[in-house]
Amino acid sequence: MTLRLSGVTLRHANGTEALRGVDLGLQPGEQVAIIGPSGAGKSSLLNLLATALPPTGGTLQVLGEAPWQLSSRQRQRLRARIGLIHQAPPLPPRQRVVTAVLAGKLGQWGLGKSLLNLLYPLDIAGARQVLARLDLADKLFERCQQLSGGQLQRVGIARALYQAPELLLADEPVSAMDPRLADHTLGLLCRHALEHKVTLVVSLHAVELALAHFARIIGVREGRILFDLPAAAVDRAQLDALYANEQLGAPPSVQAPDGVWTPRC
C-alpha cells in the first residue's frame, strides 16, 4: 500500500487541530481528489503525506515506510520519492525556468552535481521536453518573475514531473489557471500518473474538476473525512453537507441532484 493512515491527528504549534482521527489507505497507482471548504485540513493532510509535518497522534506509512521512525538521512531519501506541487510554487523570482524545473532532481543528485546545475543547467533537453508537455517550452530561459501565476503553477508541475516521483501530491495546482487550461493540466497529470504507475493525490477547490478527472473523491471537513466515495456515488446532499455554511459556486454538473459523473482518467 502506498499510503496508510490510522487514527492520525495533527495539531499545529498554535493549538489548531488540523486533522482529527483520519483513517485512509491508498493503493499504488490510485488517483484521488480531496475536496472540502477552506480551512478543512486539505493542505495539512498533503503536507503530512509529504512528510513535511509529523503527525501528533496515530500512525502514518508512506511508500512502505514509517517516515518519523527513520533517521534524517533515510527520511530525505524517502522525500526524494515524493513530489509535492504547491498552489504557489516557491520559485525564486530571478531564477530561470530551466533551473527551476531541473531542481526537481536535487533530492536525487549529489551535492556537487546540484551546485554545478545552479551554474550551468545539466539537462536542458529534459527540461524543455517536460515544459513542452505544459505548453511552456518557449519560457525555458525566462526568469520566474516574468511569468504569470498560472505559468508559475505549470513550472511547479513541470518540476514535479521531471523529478519522476512514485507519489505525487498536488495542493490546488490549477487555482491560477483559466477553466480550459485547468482542465487540460489536470488531464495531463492524470495521464502521467496512469502511464508511469504513480499514485496521485490532488486537493481541489473546483468540485466539477474533481468529479470529472478522478475516480475516487475524499471529502474533508473540520479535519475529518466526511466521505470517501467513487465519483459516481457523490451526490448533491453529500456536497451540501461538506460545504454547509460555505458559499459554494456549484457549476451545472454539480447542481444536478441525480447526476452521474464519469472520470476521464
C-alpha atoms as a PDB file:
ATOM      1  CA  MET A   1       0.000   0.000   0.000  1.00  0.00           C
ATOM      2  CA  THR A   2       1.344   3.446  -0.946  1.00  0.00           C
ATOM      3  CA  LEU A   3      -0.284   5.318   1.945  1.00  0.00           C
ATOM      4  CA  ARG A   4      -1.844   4.200   5.203  1.00  0.00           C
ATOM      5  CA  LEU A   5      -3.104   6.481   7.962  1.00  0.00           C
ATOM      6  CA  SER A   6      -4.669   5.093  11.132  1.00  0.00           C
ATOM      7  CA  GLY A   7      -6.232   7.446  13.666  1.00  0.00           C
ATOM      8  CA  VAL A   8      -3.969  10.294  12.546  1.00  0.00           C
ATOM      9  CA  THR A   9      -4.261  13.635  14.295  1.00  0.00           C
ATOM     10  CA  LEU A  10      -2.328  16.812  13.629  1.00  0.00           C
ATOM     11  CA  ARG A  11      -2.165  19.773  15.981  1.00  0.00           C
ATOM     12  CA  HIS A  12      -0.240  22.874  14.899  1.00  0.00           C
ATOM     13  CA  ALA A  13       2.023  24.814  17.257  1.00  0.00           C
ATOM     14  CA  ASN A  14      -0.676  27.473  17.750  1.00  0.00           C
ATOM     15  CA  GLY A  15      -3.049  24.805  19.093  1.00  0.00           C
ATOM     16  CA  THR A  16      -5.181  24.442  15.961  1.00  0.00           C
ATOM     17  CA  GLU A  17      -6.308  20.853  15.439  1.00  0.00           C
ATOM     18  CA  ALA A  18      -5.932  20.452  11.681  1.00  0.00           C
ATOM     19  CA  LEU A  19      -6.657  16.707  11.423  1.00  0.00           C
ATOM     20  CA  ARG A  20      -8.767  14.570  13.736  1.00  0.00           C
ATOM     21  CA  GLY A  21      -8.674  10.788  13.706  1.00  0.00           C
ATOM     22  CA  VAL A  22      -8.040  10.325   9.983  1.00  0.00           C
ATOM     23  CA  ASP A  23      -8.099   6.759   8.610  1.00  0.00           C
ATOM     24  CA  LEU A  24      -7.056   6.434   4.981  1.00  0.00           C
ATOM     25  CA  GLY A  25      -5.435   3.928   2.641  1.00  0.00           C
ATOM     26  CA  LEU A  26      -4.284   4.298  -0.968  1.00  0.00           C
ATOM     27  CA  GLN A  27      -3.097   1.560  -3.277  1.00  0.00           C
ATOM     28  CA  PRO A  28      -0.193   2.051  -5.732  1.00  0.00           C
ATOM     29  CA  GLY A  29      -1.307   3.902  -8.853  1.00  0.00           C
ATOM     30  CA  GLU A  30      -4.556   5.261  -7.395  1.00  0.00           C
ATOM     31  CA  GLN A  31      -5.711   8.731  -8.410  1.00  0.00           C
ATOM     32  CA  VAL A  32      -7.628  10.569  -5.707  1.00  0.00           C
ATOM     33  CA  ALA A  33      -9.107  14.061  -5.359  1.00  0.00           C
ATOM     34  CA  ILE A  34      -9.535  15.712  -1.961  1.00  0.00           C
ATOM     35  CA  ILE A  35     -12.258  18.343  -1.756  1.00  0.00           C
ATOM     36  CA  GLY A  36     -13.674  20.447   1.051  1.00  0.00           C
ATOM     37  CA  PRO A  37     -14.167  24.024   2.252  1.00  0.00           C
ATOM     38  CA  SER A  38     -11.335  26.409   3.059  1.00  0.00           C
ATOM     39  CA  GLY A  39      -9.657  25.503   6.338  1.00  0.00           C
ATOM     40  CA  ALA A  40     -10.908  21.910   6.214  1.00  0.00           C
ATOM     41  CA  GLY A  41      -7.401  20.446   6.573  1.00  0.00           C
ATOM     42  CA  LYS A  42      -6.675  19.547   2.934  1.00  0.00           C
ATOM     43  CA  SER A  43      -3.271  21.276   2.811  1.00  0.00           C
ATOM     44  CA  SER A  44      -2.337  19.920   6.233  1.00  0.00           C
ATOM     45  CA  LEU A  45      -3.146  16.410   5.044  1.00  0.00           C
ATOM     46  CA  LEU A  46      -0.967  16.794   1.939  1.00  0.00           C
ATOM     47  CA  ASN A  47       1.940  18.199   3.968  1.00  0.00           C
ATOM     48  CA  LEU A  48       1.619  15.251   6.329  1.00  0.00           C
ATOM     49  CA  LEU A  49       1.727  12.817   3.386  1.00  0.00           C
ATOM     50  CA  ALA A  50       4.766  14.653   2.018  1.00  0.00           C
ATOM     51  CA  THR A  51       6.489  14.086   5.407  1.00  0.00           C
ATOM     52  CA  ALA A  52       6.852  17.851   5.820  1.00  0.00           C
ATOM     53  CA  LEU A  53       4.968  17.573   9.135  1.00  0.00           C
ATOM     54  CA  PRO A  54       4.910  14.766  11.711  1.00  0.00           C
ATOM     55  CA  PRO A  55       1.524  13.585  12.985  1.00  0.00           C
ATOM     56  CA  THR A  56       0.617  14.465  16.556  1.00  0.00           C
ATOM     57  CA  GLY A  57      -1.051  11.101  17.036  1.00  0.00           C
ATOM     58  CA  GLY A  58      -1.879   7.891  15.183  1.00  0.00           C
ATOM     59  CA  THR A  59       0.281   6.021  12.685  1.00  0.00           C
ATOM     60  CA  LEU A  60       1.429   7.003   9.196  1.00  0.00           C
ATOM     61  CA  GLN A  61       3.073   4.907   6.495  1.00  0.00           C
ATOM     62  CA  VAL A  62       4.282   6.378   3.198  1.00  0.00           C
ATOM     63  CA  LEU A  63       5.647   4.185   0.399  1.00  0.00           C
ATOM     64  CA  GLY A  64       6.024   1.327   2.836  1.00  0.00           C
ATOM     65  CA  GLU A  65       7.960   3.367   5.396  1.00  0.00           C
ATOM     66  CA  ALA A  66       7.122   4.910   8.754  1.00  0.00           C
ATOM     67  CA  PRO A  67       8.800   8.265   7.998  1.00  0.00           C
ATOM     68  CA  TRP A  68       9.129   9.529  11.555  1.00  0.00           C
ATOM     69  CA  GLN A  69      10.827   6.351  12.700  1.00  0.00           C
ATOM     70  CA  LEU A  70      13.583   6.849  10.117  1.00  0.00           C
ATOM     71  CA  SER A  71      16.827   8.750  10.548  1.00  0.00           C
ATOM     72  CA  SER A  72      17.033  12.215   8.960  1.00  0.00           C
ATOM     73  CA  ARG A  73      19.097  10.846   6.083  1.00  0.00           C
ATOM     74  CA  GLN A  74      16.677   7.994   5.451  1.00  0.00           C
ATOM     75  CA  ARG A  75      13.752  10.419   5.563  1.00  0.00           C
ATOM     76  CA  GLN A  76      15.465  12.619   2.983  1.00  0.00           C
ATOM     77  CA  ARG A  77      15.809   9.605   0.689  1.00  0.00           C
ATOM     78  CA  LEU A  78      12.107   8.899   1.159  1.00  0.00           C
ATOM     79  CA  ARG A  79      11.224  12.507   0.316  1.00  0.00           C
ATOM     80  CA  ALA A  80      13.143  12.186  -2.954  1.00  0.00           C
ATOM     81  CA  ARG A  81      10.481   9.636  -3.955  1.00  0.00           C
ATOM     82  CA  ILE A  82       7.638  12.070  -3.222  1.00  0.00           C
ATOM     83  CA  GLY A  83       6.700  15.032  -5.409  1.00  0.00           C
ATOM     84  CA  LEU A  84       4.787  17.967  -3.910  1.00  0.00           C
ATOM     85  CA  ILE A  85       3.191  20.594  -6.136  1.00  0.00           C
ATOM     86  CA  HIS A  86       2.355  23.794  -4.254  1.00  0.00           C
ATOM     87  CA  GLN A  87      -0.509  26.150  -5.009  1.00  0.00           C
ATOM     88  CA  ALA A  88       2.059  28.982  -5.084  1.00  0.00           C
ATOM     89  CA  PRO A  89       5.341  27.290  -6.075  1.00  0.00           C
ATOM     90  CA  PRO A  90       8.306  28.581  -4.012  1.00  0.00           C
ATOM     91  CA  LEU A  91      10.325  29.709  -7.030  1.00  0.00           C
ATOM     92  CA  PRO A  92      12.967  32.452  -6.602  1.00  0.00           C
ATOM     93  CA  PRO A  93      11.890  35.390  -8.806  1.00  0.00           C
ATOM     94  CA  ARG A  94      15.242  35.726 -10.581  1.00  0.00           C
ATOM     95  CA  GLN A  95      15.700  32.005 -11.132  1.00  0.00           C
ATOM     96  CA  ARG A  96      15.431  30.857 -14.739  1.00  0.00           C
ATOM     97  CA  VAL A  97      12.682  28.417 -15.617  1.00  0.00           C
ATOM     98  CA  VAL A  98      15.144  25.759 -16.786  1.00  0.00           C
ATOM     99  CA  THR A  99      16.891  25.811 -13.396  1.00  0.00           C
ATOM    100  CA  ALA A 100      13.567  25.703 -11.551  1.00  0.00           C
ATOM    101  CA  VAL A 101      12.497  22.586 -13.460  1.00  0.00           C
ATOM    102  CA  LEU A 102      15.825  20.781 -13.044  1.00  0.00           C
ATOM    103  CA  ALA A 103      15.610  21.422  -9.291  1.00  0.00           C
ATOM    104  CA  GLY A 104      13.176  18.528  -9.246  1.00  0.00           C
ATOM    105  CA  LYS A 105      16.175  16.184  -9.209  1.00  0.00           C
ATOM    106  CA  LEU A 106      18.140  17.907  -6.427  1.00  0.00           C
ATOM    107  CA  GLY A 107      16.979  15.345  -3.888  1.00  0.00           C
ATOM    108  CA  GLN A 108      18.432  12.585  -6.079  1.00  0.00           C
ATOM    109  CA  TRP A 109      21.658  14.297  -7.192  1.00  0.00           C
ATOM    110  CA  GLY A 110      24.745  14.633  -5.049  1.00  0.00           C
ATOM    111  CA  LEU A 111      25.901  17.989  -3.679  1.00  0.00           C
ATOM    112  CA  GLY A 112      28.487  18.547  -6.409  1.00  0.00           C
ATOM    113  CA  LYS A 113      26.061  17.892  -9.250  1.00  0.00           C
ATOM    114  CA  SER A 114      23.398  20.065  -7.608  1.00  0.00           C
ATOM    115  CA  LEU A 115      25.804  23.027  -7.257  1.00  0.00           C
ATOM    116  CA  LEU A 116      27.021  22.598 -10.824  1.00  0.00           C
ATOM    117  CA  ASN A 117      23.427  22.654 -12.049  1.00  0.00           C
ATOM    118  CA  LEU A 118      22.943  26.082 -10.463  1.00  0.00           C
ATOM    119  CA  LEU A 119      25.829  27.410 -12.550  1.00  0.00           C
ATOM    120  CA  TYR A 120      25.047  25.571 -15.743  1.00  0.00           C
ATOM    121  CA  PRO A 121      21.813  23.616 -16.401  1.00  0.00           C
ATOM    122  CA  LEU A 122      22.790  19.974 -16.808  1.00  0.00           C
ATOM    123  CA  ASP A 123      19.765  18.676 -18.733  1.00  0.00           C
ATOM    124  CA  ILE A 124      18.383  21.440 -20.918  1.00  0.00           C
ATOM    125  CA  ALA A 125      16.778  18.927 -23.297  1.00  0.00           C
ATOM    126  CA  GLY A 126      14.997  17.159 -20.433  1.00  0.00           C
ATOM    127  CA  ALA A 127      13.658  20.431 -19.021  1.00  0.00           C
ATOM    128  CA  ARG A 128      12.474  21.543 -22.467  1.00  0.00           C
ATOM    129  CA  GLN A 129      10.718  18.232 -23.036  1.00  0.00           C
ATOM    130  CA  VAL A 130       8.674  18.366 -19.835  1.00  0.00           C
ATOM    131  CA  LEU A 131       7.883  22.064 -20.315  1.00  0.00           C
ATOM    132  CA  ALA A 132       6.640  21.308 -23.832  1.00  0.00           C
ATOM    133  CA  ARG A 133       4.011  18.997 -22.342  1.00  0.00           C
ATOM    134  CA  LEU A 134       2.691  22.047 -20.477  1.00  0.00           C
ATOM    135  CA  ASP A 135       2.990  24.420 -23.462  1.00  0.00           C
ATOM    136  CA  LEU A 136       5.864  26.303 -21.821  1.00  0.00           C
ATOM    137  CA  ALA A 137       8.869  25.284 -23.921  1.00  0.00           C
ATOM    138  CA  ASP A 138       9.249  28.872 -25.128  1.00  0.00           C
ATOM    139  CA  LYS A 139       9.725  30.034 -21.495  1.00  0.00           C
ATOM    140  CA  LEU A 140      12.785  27.810 -20.911  1.00  0.00           C
ATOM    141  CA  PHE A 141      15.301  30.612 -20.272  1.00  0.00           C
ATOM    142  CA  GLU A 142      12.940  33.280 -18.901  1.00  0.00           C
ATOM    143  CA  ARG A 143      13.116  34.317 -15.261  1.00  0.00           C
ATOM    144  CA  CYS A 144      10.292  33.216 -12.995  1.00  0.00           C
ATOM    145  CA  GLN A 145       9.427  36.822 -12.191  1.00  0.00           C
ATOM    146  CA  GLN A 146       8.403  37.295 -15.830  1.00  0.00           C
ATOM    147  CA  LEU A 147       5.680  34.641 -15.654  1.00  0.00           C
ATOM    148  CA  SER A 148       2.008  34.865 -14.736  1.00  0.00           C
ATOM    149  CA  GLY A 149       0.541  32.996 -11.775  1.00  0.00           C
ATOM    150  CA  GLY A 150      -0.818  30.239 -13.993  1.00  0.00           C
ATOM    151  CA  GLN A 151       2.525  29.873 -15.775  1.00  0.00           C
ATOM    152  CA  LEU A 152       4.336  29.617 -12.438  1.00  0.00           C
ATOM    153  CA  GLN A 153       1.962  26.852 -11.384  1.00  0.00           C
ATOM    154  CA  ARG A 154       2.775  24.973 -14.588  1.00  0.00           C
ATOM    155  CA  VAL A 155       6.512  25.397 -13.932  1.00  0.00           C
ATOM    156  CA  GLY A 156       5.931  23.875 -10.473  1.00  0.00           C
ATOM    157  CA  ILE A 157       4.124  20.967 -12.120  1.00  0.00           C
ATOM    158  CA  ALA A 158       6.933  20.560 -14.662  1.00  0.00           C
ATOM    159  CA  ARG A 159       9.468  20.388 -11.821  1.00  0.00           C
ATOM    160  CA  ALA A 160       7.483  17.608 -10.123  1.00  0.00           C
ATOM    161  CA  LEU A 161       7.104  15.658 -13.377  1.00  0.00           C
ATOM    162  CA  TYR A 162      10.842  15.974 -14.051  1.00  0.00           C
ATOM    163  CA  GLN A 163      11.510  14.603 -10.562  1.00  0.00           C
ATOM    164  CA  ALA A 164       9.640  11.402 -11.574  1.00  0.00           C
ATOM    165  CA  PRO A 165       8.343  10.564  -8.067  1.00  0.00           C
ATOM    166  CA  GLU A 166       6.456   7.432  -7.036  1.00  0.00           C
ATOM    167  CA  LEU A 167       3.930   9.508  -5.077  1.00  0.00           C
ATOM    168  CA  LEU A 168       2.714  12.822  -6.485  1.00  0.00           C
ATOM    169  CA  LEU A 169       0.853  15.262  -4.228  1.00  0.00           C
ATOM    170  CA  ALA A 170      -0.672  18.479  -5.549  1.00  0.00           C
ATOM    171  CA  ASP A 171      -2.223  21.261  -3.459  1.00  0.00           C
ATOM    172  CA  GLU A 172      -4.640  23.319  -5.586  1.00  0.00           C
ATOM    173  CA  PRO A 173      -2.279  23.027  -8.583  1.00  0.00           C
ATOM    174  CA  VAL A 174      -4.561  24.779 -11.122  1.00  0.00           C
ATOM    175  CA  SER A 175      -6.132  27.533  -8.997  1.00  0.00           C
ATOM    176  CA  ALA A 176      -4.490  30.346 -11.019  1.00  0.00           C
ATOM    177  CA  MET A 177      -5.423  28.911 -14.422  1.00  0.00           C
ATOM    178  CA  ASP A 178      -8.465  29.608 -16.572  1.00  0.00           C
ATOM    179  CA  PRO A 179     -11.038  26.774 -16.694  1.00  0.00           C
ATOM    180  CA  ARG A 180      -9.923  25.348 -20.040  1.00  0.00           C
ATOM    181  CA  LEU A 181      -6.240  25.310 -19.092  1.00  0.00           C
ATOM    182  CA  ALA A 182      -7.015  23.889 -15.649  1.00  0.00           C
ATOM    183  CA  ASP A 183      -8.970  21.049 -17.246  1.00  0.00           C
ATOM    184  CA  HIS A 184      -6.142  20.339 -19.717  1.00  0.00           C
ATOM    185  CA  THR A 185      -3.472  20.401 -16.996  1.00  0.00           C
ATOM    186  CA  LEU A 186      -5.335  18.039 -14.671  1.00  0.00           C
ATOM    187  CA  GLY A 187      -5.834  15.688 -17.597  1.00  0.00           C
ATOM    188  CA  LEU A 188      -2.077  15.744 -18.206  1.00  0.00           C
ATOM    189  CA  LEU A 189      -1.365  14.936 -14.540  1.00  0.00           C
ATOM    190  CA  CYS A 190      -3.805  12.021 -14.604  1.00  0.00           C
ATOM    191  CA  ARG A 191      -2.346  10.623 -17.824  1.00  0.00           C
ATOM    192  CA  HIS A 192       1.188  10.914 -16.452  1.00  0.00           C
ATOM    193  CA  ALA A 193       0.166   9.067 -13.290  1.00  0.00           C
ATOM    194  CA  LEU A 194      -1.532   6.329 -15.294  1.00  0.00           C
ATOM    195  CA  GLU A 195       1.358   5.879 -17.744  1.00  0.00           C
ATOM    196  CA  HIS A 196       4.047   5.829 -15.044  1.00  0.00           C
ATOM    197  CA  LYS A 197       2.045   3.995 -12.342  1.00  0.00           C
ATOM    198  CA  VAL A 198       2.341   6.981  -9.998  1.00  0.00           C
ATOM    199  CA  THR A 199      -0.020   7.413  -7.045  1.00  0.00           C
ATOM    200  CA  LEU A 200      -1.664  10.836  -7.438  1.00  0.00           C
ATOM    201  CA  VAL A 201      -3.406  12.826  -4.686  1.00  0.00           C
ATOM    202  CA  VAL A 202      -4.761  16.272  -5.601  1.00  0.00           C
ATOM    203  CA  SER A 203      -6.639  18.783  -3.460  1.00  0.00           C
ATOM    204  CA  LEU A 204      -9.077  20.887  -5.445  1.00  0.00           C
ATOM    205  CA  HIS A 205     -11.452  23.735  -4.757  1.00  0.00           C
ATOM    206  CA  ALA A 206     -13.250  23.224  -8.086  1.00  0.00           C
ATOM    207  CA  VAL A 207     -15.649  20.348  -7.398  1.00  0.00           C
ATOM    208  CA  GLU A 208     -16.533  19.871 -11.058  1.00  0.00           C
ATOM    209  CA  LEU A 209     -12.878  19.270 -11.965  1.00  0.00           C
ATOM    210  CA  ALA A 210     -12.504  16.710  -9.187  1.00  0.00           C
ATOM    211  CA  LEU A 211     -15.592  14.813 -10.339  1.00  0.00           C
ATOM    212  CA  ALA A 212     -14.552  14.948 -13.994  1.00  0.00           C
ATOM    213  CA  HIS A 213     -10.988  13.703 -13.582  1.00  0.00           C
ATOM    214  CA  PHE A 214     -10.857  11.407 -10.549  1.00  0.00           C
ATOM    215  CA  ALA A 215     -12.446   8.035  -9.859  1.00  0.00           C
ATOM    216  CA  ARG A 216     -12.221   8.457  -6.066  1.00  0.00           C
ATOM    217  CA  ILE A 217     -13.286  11.534  -4.130  1.00  0.00           C
ATOM    218  CA  ILE A 218     -12.470  12.234  -0.483  1.00  0.00           C
ATOM    219  CA  GLY A 219     -14.480  14.960   1.239  1.00  0.00           C
ATOM    220  CA  VAL A 220     -12.717  16.634   4.184  1.00  0.00           C
ATOM    221  CA  ARG A 221     -14.363  18.974   6.677  1.00  0.00           C
ATOM    222  CA  GLU A 222     -13.069  20.273  10.016  1.00  0.00           C
ATOM    223  CA  GLY A 223     -10.102  17.922   9.899  1.00  0.00           C
ATOM    224  CA  ARG A 224     -12.191  14.787   9.405  1.00  0.00           C
ATOM    225  CA  ILE A 225     -13.021  12.651   6.385  1.00  0.00           C
ATOM    226  CA  LEU A 226     -16.734  13.207   5.783  1.00  0.00           C
ATOM    227  CA  PHE A 227     -16.930  10.763   2.865  1.00  0.00           C
ATOM    228  CA  ASP A 228     -14.639   8.606   0.729  1.00  0.00           C
ATOM    229  CA  LEU A 229     -16.532   7.502  -2.387  1.00  0.00           C
ATOM    230  CA  PRO A 230     -16.334   6.730  -6.089  1.00  0.00           C
ATOM    231  CA  ALA A 231     -17.024   9.891  -8.076  1.00  0.00           C
ATOM    232  CA  ALA A 232     -20.231   8.397  -9.471  1.00  0.00           C
ATOM    233  CA  ALA A 233     -21.584   7.946  -5.928  1.00  0.00           C
ATOM    234  CA  VAL A 234     -21.102  11.590  -4.832  1.00  0.00           C
ATOM    235  CA  ASP A 235     -24.459  13.357  -4.812  1.00  0.00           C
ATOM    236  CA  ARG A 236     -25.752  16.835  -4.100  1.00  0.00           C
ATOM    237  CA  ALA A 237     -26.744  16.030  -0.497  1.00  0.00           C
ATOM    238  CA  GLN A 238     -23.198  14.969   0.334  1.00  0.00           C
ATOM    239  CA  LEU A 239     -21.755  18.116  -1.240  1.00  0.00           C
ATOM    240  CA  ASP A 240     -24.260  20.263   0.651  1.00  0.00           C
ATOM    241  CA  ALA A 241     -23.165  18.646   3.925  1.00  0.00           C
ATOM    242  CA  LEU A 242     -19.491  19.066   3.011  1.00  0.00           C
ATOM    243  CA  TYR A 243     -19.843  22.754   2.180  1.00  0.00           C
ATOM    244  CA  ALA A 244     -22.528  23.666   4.727  1.00  0.00           C
ATOM    245  CA  ASN A 245     -22.390  27.378   5.577  1.00  0.00           C
ATOM    246  CA  GLU A 246     -19.955  27.932   2.699  1.00  0.00           C
ATOM    247  CA  GLN A 247     -20.549  29.968  -0.446  1.00  0.00           C
ATOM    248  CA  LEU A 248     -20.281  27.133  -2.937  1.00  0.00           C
ATOM    249  CA  GLY A 249     -20.398  28.325  -6.518  1.00  0.00           C
ATOM    250  CA  ALA A 250     -21.504  24.994  -7.936  1.00  0.00           C
ATOM    251  CA  PRO A 251     -21.366  24.548 -11.716  1.00  0.00           C
ATOM    252  CA  PRO A 252     -24.304  22.898 -13.523  1.00  0.00           C
ATOM    253  CA  SER A 253     -22.658  19.454 -13.408  1.00  0.00           C
ATOM    254  CA  VAL A 254     -22.621  19.614  -9.607  1.00  0.00           C
ATOM    255  CA  GLN A 255     -26.088  21.122  -9.197  1.00  0.00           C
ATOM    256  CA  ALA A 256     -27.899  18.161 -10.720  1.00  0.00           C
ATOM    257  CA  PRO A 257     -29.084  16.078  -7.727  1.00  0.00           C
ATOM    258  CA  ASP A 258     -29.217  12.816  -9.668  1.00  0.00           C
ATOM    259  CA  GLY A 259     -26.220  13.406 -11.905  1.00  0.00           C
ATOM    260  CA  VAL A 260     -23.671  10.684 -12.558  1.00  0.00           C
ATOM    261  CA  TRP A 261     -20.078  11.619 -13.233  1.00  0.00           C
ATOM    262  CA  THR A 262     -17.656   9.577 -15.270  1.00  0.00           C
ATOM    263  CA  PRO A 263     -13.989  10.366 -14.523  1.00  0.00           C
ATOM    264  CA  ARG A 264     -11.795  10.859 -17.574  1.00  0.00           C
ATOM    265  CA  CYS A 265      -8.748   9.126 -16.088  1.00  0.00           C
END
